[in-house]
N, C-alpha and C. Protein backbone atom coordinates (compact mmCIF):
# COMPACT_ATOMS: atom_id res chain seq x y z
N MET A 1 0.47 -1.22 0.05
CA MET A 1 0.10 -0.51 0.00
C MET A 1 0.64 1.70 -0.10
N ALA A 2 0.43 2.02 -0.74
CA ALA A 2 0.90 3.43 -0.38
C ALA A 2 0.55 4.06 0.39
N GLN A 3 1.80 5.02 0.69
CA GLN A 3 1.58 5.38 2.16
C GLN A 3 1.45 6.23 1.42
N LEU A 4 0.69 7.90 2.63
CA LEU A 4 0.66 9.00 1.57
C LEU A 4 1.25 10.70 2.06
N THR A 5 1.65 10.97 2.52
CA THR A 5 2.70 11.82 2.05
C THR A 5 1.54 12.76 2.95
N LYS A 6 2.58 14.15 3.14
CA LYS A 6 1.65 15.04 3.94
C LYS A 6 1.19 16.46 3.06
N GLU A 7 1.60 16.07 1.21
CA GLU A 7 1.68 17.46 0.68
C GLU A 7 0.45 16.68 -0.16
N SER A 8 0.40 15.45 -0.38
CA SER A 8 -0.50 14.68 -1.00
C SER A 8 -2.34 14.46 -0.09
N SER A 9 -2.09 14.83 1.03
CA SER A 9 -2.66 14.38 1.96
C SER A 9 -3.54 15.42 2.48
N LEU A 10 -2.80 16.50 2.58
CA LEU A 10 -3.56 17.98 1.97
C LEU A 10 -4.25 18.10 0.84
N ARG A 11 -3.49 17.72 -0.20
CA ARG A 11 -4.14 18.63 -1.58
C ARG A 11 -5.40 17.69 -1.75
N HIS A 12 -5.67 16.65 -1.18
CA HIS A 12 -6.86 15.69 -0.85
C HIS A 12 -7.72 16.39 -0.17
N ALA A 13 -7.46 16.84 1.31
CA ALA A 13 -8.69 17.55 2.41
C ALA A 13 -8.67 19.08 1.01
N LEU A 14 -7.87 19.53 0.53
CA LEU A 14 -8.56 20.96 0.12
C LEU A 14 -9.24 20.51 -1.07
N GLN A 15 -9.44 19.59 -1.94
CA GLN A 15 -10.14 18.69 -3.19
C GLN A 15 -11.26 18.27 -2.73
N ASN A 16 -11.65 17.58 -1.57
CA ASN A 16 -12.79 17.69 -1.19
C ASN A 16 -13.74 18.50 0.19
N ASP A 17 -12.93 19.59 0.26
CA ASP A 17 -13.03 20.51 0.70
C ASP A 17 -14.09 21.37 -0.19
N ASP A 18 -13.36 21.87 -1.18
CA ASP A 18 -13.88 22.40 -2.24
C ASP A 18 -15.07 21.58 -3.08
N HIS A 19 -14.60 20.58 -2.36
CA HIS A 19 -16.22 20.04 -3.59
C HIS A 19 -17.25 19.49 -2.62
N ASP A 20 -16.93 19.30 -1.61
CA ASP A 20 -18.15 19.49 -0.49
C ASP A 20 -18.77 21.24 -0.22
N HIS A 21 -18.22 22.19 -0.65
CA HIS A 21 -17.95 23.59 -0.57
C HIS A 21 -18.83 23.82 -1.68
N GLU A 22 -19.05 23.37 -2.75
CA GLU A 22 -19.59 23.37 -4.22
C GLU A 22 -21.26 22.76 -3.86
N LYS A 23 -21.19 22.07 -2.96
CA LYS A 23 -22.29 20.93 -2.92
C LYS A 23 -23.69 22.02 -2.32
N THR A 24 -22.92 22.22 -1.06
CA THR A 24 -23.44 23.00 -0.10
C THR A 24 -23.97 24.66 -0.09
N ASN A 25 -23.87 25.21 -1.13
CA ASN A 25 -23.98 26.95 -1.87
C ASN A 25 -25.18 27.61 -0.72
N ALA A 26 -23.60 27.47 0.97
CA ALA A 26 -24.18 28.05 1.86
C ALA A 26 -24.87 29.50 1.67
N PRO A 27 -25.73 30.70 2.64
CA PRO A 27 -25.69 31.75 2.05
C PRO A 27 -24.98 32.90 2.22
N ASP A 28 -23.67 32.27 2.74
CA ASP A 28 -22.63 32.86 3.28
C ASP A 28 -21.86 33.47 1.95
N ASP A 29 -22.18 32.14 1.14
CA ASP A 29 -21.28 32.51 -0.08
C ASP A 29 -21.86 33.28 -0.29
N ASP A 30 -23.11 33.62 -0.87
CA ASP A 30 -23.74 35.37 -1.19
C ASP A 30 -22.67 35.72 -1.43
N LEU A 31 -23.31 36.08 0.02
CA LEU A 31 -22.89 37.55 1.45
C LEU A 31 -21.41 37.57 0.72
N ASP A 32 -20.62 36.72 0.91
CA ASP A 32 -19.19 36.57 0.32
C ASP A 32 -18.97 37.06 -1.49
N ASP A 33 -19.46 36.76 -2.01
CA ASP A 33 -19.44 36.95 -3.83
C ASP A 33 -20.24 38.80 -3.31
N TRP A 34 -21.19 38.56 -2.98
CA TRP A 34 -21.87 40.30 -2.94
C TRP A 34 -20.85 41.70 -1.93
N LEU A 35 -20.24 41.15 -0.79
CA LEU A 35 -19.04 41.82 -0.58
C LEU A 35 -17.37 42.04 -1.43
N ASP A 36 -17.28 41.22 -2.21
CA ASP A 36 -15.88 40.86 -3.03
C ASP A 36 -16.50 41.93 -3.97
N LYS A 37 -18.07 42.30 -4.90
CA LYS A 37 -18.11 42.79 -5.84
C LYS A 37 -17.13 44.10 -5.26
N PRO A 38 -17.04 44.69 -6.45
CA PRO A 38 -16.67 46.02 -6.22
C PRO A 38 -17.10 47.26 -6.12
N PHE A 39 -17.29 47.55 -5.37
CA PHE A 39 -18.58 49.23 -5.47
C PHE A 39 -18.23 50.29 -6.61
N PHE A 40 -16.99 50.83 -6.94
CA PHE A 40 -16.89 51.31 -8.09
C PHE A 40 -15.31 50.81 -8.62
N ASP A 41 -15.51 50.56 -9.51
CA ASP A 41 -14.06 50.22 -10.58
C ASP A 41 -14.07 51.54 -12.13
N PRO A 42 -13.00 51.90 -11.20
CA PRO A 42 -13.19 52.93 -11.85
C PRO A 42 -11.96 52.44 -13.65
N MET A 43 -11.55 51.22 -13.39
CA MET A 43 -11.79 50.67 -14.95
C MET A 43 -12.37 50.47 -16.09
N ALA A 44 -14.01 50.41 -15.82
CA ALA A 44 -14.50 49.86 -16.00
C ALA A 44 -15.22 51.25 -17.64
N PHE A 45 -14.42 52.55 -16.96
CA PHE A 45 -14.69 53.89 -17.83
C PHE A 45 -13.20 54.10 -18.68
N GLU A 46 -13.90 54.46 -20.01
CA GLU A 46 -12.47 54.73 -20.55
C GLU A 46 -11.84 56.03 -20.42
N ASP A 47 -10.47 56.10 -21.32
CA ASP A 47 -9.93 57.19 -20.55
C ASP A 47 -10.26 58.22 -21.19
N ASN A 48 -10.77 59.18 -20.77
CA ASN A 48 -10.97 60.96 -21.19
C ASN A 48 -12.27 60.79 -21.56
N ASP A 49 -13.25 60.14 -20.82
CA ASP A 49 -14.78 59.99 -21.06
C ASP A 49 -15.63 60.86 -20.22
N ASP A 50 -15.66 61.94 -20.02
CA ASP A 50 -16.00 63.26 -19.82
C ASP A 50 -18.23 63.55 -19.27
N SER A 51 -18.51 61.78 -19.56
CA SER A 51 -20.22 61.83 -20.32
C SER A 51 -20.93 62.22 -18.92
N THR A 52 -20.26 61.36 -18.17
CA THR A 52 -21.14 61.74 -16.39
C THR A 52 -20.07 61.99 -15.34
N TRP A 53 -20.79 61.68 -13.88
CA TRP A 53 -19.61 62.51 -13.27
C TRP A 53 -19.17 61.07 -12.62
N GLN A 54 -19.34 60.17 -12.36
CA GLN A 54 -18.65 58.98 -12.11
C GLN A 54 -17.72 58.55 -13.76
N ALA A 55 -17.16 58.72 -14.93
CA ALA A 55 -16.73 58.74 -15.69
C ALA A 55 -15.21 59.76 -15.05
N ARG A 56 -15.90 60.68 -15.22
CA ARG A 56 -14.59 61.71 -14.05
C ARG A 56 -14.22 62.04 -13.39
N LEU A 57 -15.02 61.12 -12.19
CA LEU A 57 -14.62 60.43 -10.89
C LEU A 57 -14.04 59.24 -11.54
N ALA A 58 -14.08 59.08 -12.32
CA ALA A 58 -12.41 57.38 -12.70
C ALA A 58 -11.72 57.96 -13.57
N ASN A 59 -11.14 58.93 -14.50
CA ASN A 59 -10.53 59.52 -14.87
C ASN A 59 -9.93 60.24 -13.47
N PHE A 60 -9.94 60.59 -12.57
CA PHE A 60 -9.64 61.58 -11.60
C PHE A 60 -8.89 60.50 -10.78
N VAL A 61 -9.16 59.11 -10.24
CA VAL A 61 -8.81 58.10 -10.38
C VAL A 61 -7.64 58.19 -10.40
N LYS A 62 -7.73 57.65 -12.20
CA LYS A 62 -6.45 56.77 -12.52
C LYS A 62 -5.28 58.26 -12.90
N SER A 63 -6.22 58.87 -12.99
CA SER A 63 -4.60 59.99 -13.46
C SER A 63 -4.03 60.21 -11.99
N ASP A 64 -4.35 60.23 -10.82
CA ASP A 64 -3.94 60.69 -9.60
C ASP A 64 -4.23 60.24 -8.83
N TYR A 65 -4.28 58.86 -7.96
CA TYR A 65 -4.37 58.23 -7.18
C TYR A 65 -4.20 58.70 -6.14
N ASP A 66 -3.19 59.21 -6.06
CA ASP A 66 -2.28 60.20 -4.24
C ASP A 66 -3.61 61.36 -3.71
N LEU A 67 -3.61 61.80 -4.73
CA LEU A 67 -4.72 63.08 -4.61
C LEU A 67 -5.86 62.66 -4.15
N PHE A 68 -6.37 61.95 -5.28
CA PHE A 68 -7.72 61.02 -4.66
C PHE A 68 -7.96 60.78 -3.60
N GLU A 69 -6.87 59.91 -3.28
CA GLU A 69 -6.79 58.99 -1.71
C GLU A 69 -6.63 60.08 -0.40
N PHE A 70 -6.29 61.19 -0.84
CA PHE A 70 -6.49 62.00 0.08
C PHE A 70 -7.39 63.07 0.39
N VAL A 71 -8.38 63.45 -0.67
CA VAL A 71 -9.63 64.08 -0.32
C VAL A 71 -10.28 62.93 -0.17
N TYR A 72 -10.27 61.52 -0.62
CA TYR A 72 -11.58 60.60 -0.05
C TYR A 72 -10.76 60.29 1.49
N ALA A 73 -9.58 60.76 1.88
CA ALA A 73 -9.58 60.26 3.36
C ALA A 73 -10.24 61.94 4.35
N GLY A 74 -9.68 63.27 4.00
CA GLY A 74 -10.20 64.33 3.74
C GLY A 74 -11.48 64.05 4.26
N THR A 75 -12.21 63.96 3.11
CA THR A 75 -13.63 64.08 3.52
C THR A 75 -14.35 63.10 5.12
N PHE A 76 -13.90 61.71 4.75
CA PHE A 76 -14.06 61.13 5.47
C PHE A 76 -14.51 61.60 6.87
N LEU A 77 -12.73 61.89 7.29
CA LEU A 77 -12.45 62.27 8.34
C LEU A 77 -13.28 63.97 9.14
N ILE A 78 -13.75 64.89 7.66
CA ILE A 78 -14.43 65.62 7.57
C ILE A 78 -15.92 65.76 8.35
N PHE A 79 -16.42 64.49 7.45
CA PHE A 79 -18.16 63.61 7.70
C PHE A 79 -17.92 63.22 9.02
N MET A 80 -16.55 62.59 9.60
CA MET A 80 -17.07 61.43 10.76
C MET A 80 -16.48 63.06 12.18
N LEU A 81 -16.49 64.19 11.92
CA LEU A 81 -15.52 64.93 13.25
C LEU A 81 -17.36 65.73 12.72
N ILE A 82 -17.92 66.33 11.97
CA ILE A 82 -18.98 66.67 11.93
C ILE A 82 -20.00 65.51 12.86
N VAL A 83 -20.78 64.86 12.56
CA VAL A 83 -21.13 63.40 13.28
C VAL A 83 -20.73 63.66 14.45
N SER A 84 -19.18 63.15 14.64
CA SER A 84 -19.22 63.38 16.61
C SER A 84 -19.57 64.32 17.44
N GLN A 85 -19.91 65.60 16.74
CA GLN A 85 -20.45 67.17 17.76
C GLN A 85 -21.14 67.04 17.81
N GLU A 86 -22.08 66.62 16.49
CA GLU A 86 -23.32 66.36 16.75
C GLU A 86 -24.19 65.32 17.60
N LEU A 87 -23.33 64.21 18.13
CA LEU A 87 -23.61 63.55 19.08
C LEU A 87 -23.21 64.12 20.23
N PHE A 88 -21.92 65.22 20.48
CA PHE A 88 -21.67 65.49 21.68
C PHE A 88 -22.97 66.35 22.29
N ARG A 89 -23.13 67.20 21.38
CA ARG A 89 -23.78 68.13 21.38
C ARG A 89 -25.78 67.40 21.59
N MET A 90 -25.88 66.13 21.15
CA MET A 90 -27.07 65.40 21.62
C MET A 90 -27.18 65.38 23.00
N GLN A 91 -25.52 64.66 23.04
CA GLN A 91 -25.98 64.32 24.64
C GLN A 91 -25.03 65.45 25.85
N LEU A 92 -24.53 66.55 25.54
CA LEU A 92 -24.74 67.61 26.03
C LEU A 92 -26.11 67.99 26.09
N TYR A 93 -27.05 68.57 25.45
CA TYR A 93 -27.53 69.28 25.49
C TYR A 93 -29.42 68.70 25.82
N GLY A 94 -29.35 67.42 25.43
CA GLY A 94 -30.61 66.79 26.05
C GLY A 94 -31.32 66.90 24.84
N ALA A 95 -32.81 67.45 25.20
CA ALA A 95 -33.76 67.56 25.09
C ALA A 95 -33.91 68.92 24.01
N ASP A 96 -32.65 69.99 25.12
CA ASP A 96 -32.77 71.04 23.90
C ASP A 96 -31.94 71.04 23.17
N TYR A 97 -31.66 69.94 22.52
CA TYR A 97 -30.15 69.89 21.52
C TYR A 97 -31.40 70.57 19.83
N VAL A 98 -31.18 71.74 19.12
CA VAL A 98 -31.26 71.09 17.84
C VAL A 98 -29.90 70.99 17.17
N PRO A 99 -30.56 70.50 15.84
CA PRO A 99 -29.17 69.81 15.12
C PRO A 99 -29.09 71.11 14.06
N PHE A 100 -27.07 71.10 14.51
CA PHE A 100 -26.54 71.85 13.68
C PHE A 100 -26.78 73.12 13.75
N THR A 101 -26.49 73.37 14.93
CA THR A 101 -27.00 75.03 15.55
C THR A 101 -26.14 75.05 16.79
N SER A 102 -25.80 76.28 16.92
CA SER A 102 -24.82 76.63 17.74
C SER A 102 -25.08 76.30 19.36
N ASN A 103 -26.35 76.70 19.65
CA ASN A 103 -27.36 76.72 20.58
C ASN A 103 -26.46 77.83 21.63
N SER A 104 -26.08 78.78 21.42
CA SER A 104 -25.66 79.86 21.95
C SER A 104 -26.94 80.10 23.03
N HIS A 105 -28.11 80.25 23.39
CA HIS A 105 -29.26 80.88 24.41
C HIS A 105 -28.87 79.32 25.64
N THR A 106 -28.55 78.55 25.46
CA THR A 106 -28.07 77.11 25.70
C THR A 106 -27.10 77.40 26.35
N VAL A 107 -26.06 77.63 25.77
CA VAL A 107 -24.83 78.46 25.88
C VAL A 107 -24.44 78.91 26.82
N ASN A 108 -25.39 79.71 27.00
CA ASN A 108 -25.76 81.10 27.64
C ASN A 108 -26.41 80.67 28.85
N ALA A 109 -27.14 79.75 28.88
CA ALA A 109 -27.90 79.86 30.31
C ALA A 109 -26.81 78.50 31.05
N LEU A 110 -26.18 78.34 30.61
CA LEU A 110 -25.24 76.79 31.25
C LEU A 110 -24.22 77.61 32.17
N TRP A 111 -23.27 78.92 31.49
CA TRP A 111 -22.91 79.53 31.75
C TRP A 111 -22.92 80.35 32.80
N LYS A 112 -24.50 80.35 33.17
CA LYS A 112 -25.35 81.04 34.25
C LYS A 112 -25.23 81.00 35.18
N SER A 113 -25.67 79.37 35.43
CA SER A 113 -25.50 78.55 36.03
C SER A 113 -24.72 78.19 36.78
N MET A 114 -23.35 78.39 36.13
CA MET A 114 -22.71 77.86 37.30
C MET A 114 -21.88 78.78 37.92
C-alpha cells in the first residue's frame, strides 16, 4: 500500500473541501460574493470620457490616485468630525438639542447657572 505523504493528504483534503463547498451553496457564499464585488471600478470607464460624473471620477482616480486618496480620507474625516460633534451636542443638551446649530442661548444659560 502506498503511504500518503503530508502534501498529498493536504491536497486531497483541499479537493474534498472544495467539492463539499460546491454542494452546499451556503447563504454565506452569496454574502461573500456580494461583499467581494467592487463598489466602484474606475477601470470600467474609458480614458478621457467625461460624459457622466462617474466617468470624471474614474479619470481622476486613474490620473492621480494619491490625490484622490488624500481627498477621500479628508472628506471621510471631516464627515466623522461633524457627526461626532453633533452626537456630543445631543448628549450635552439633551431635550434642548437642535441639530446643526450653535445653541448659543443654551450655552449662555449653562454658564449663568455655574
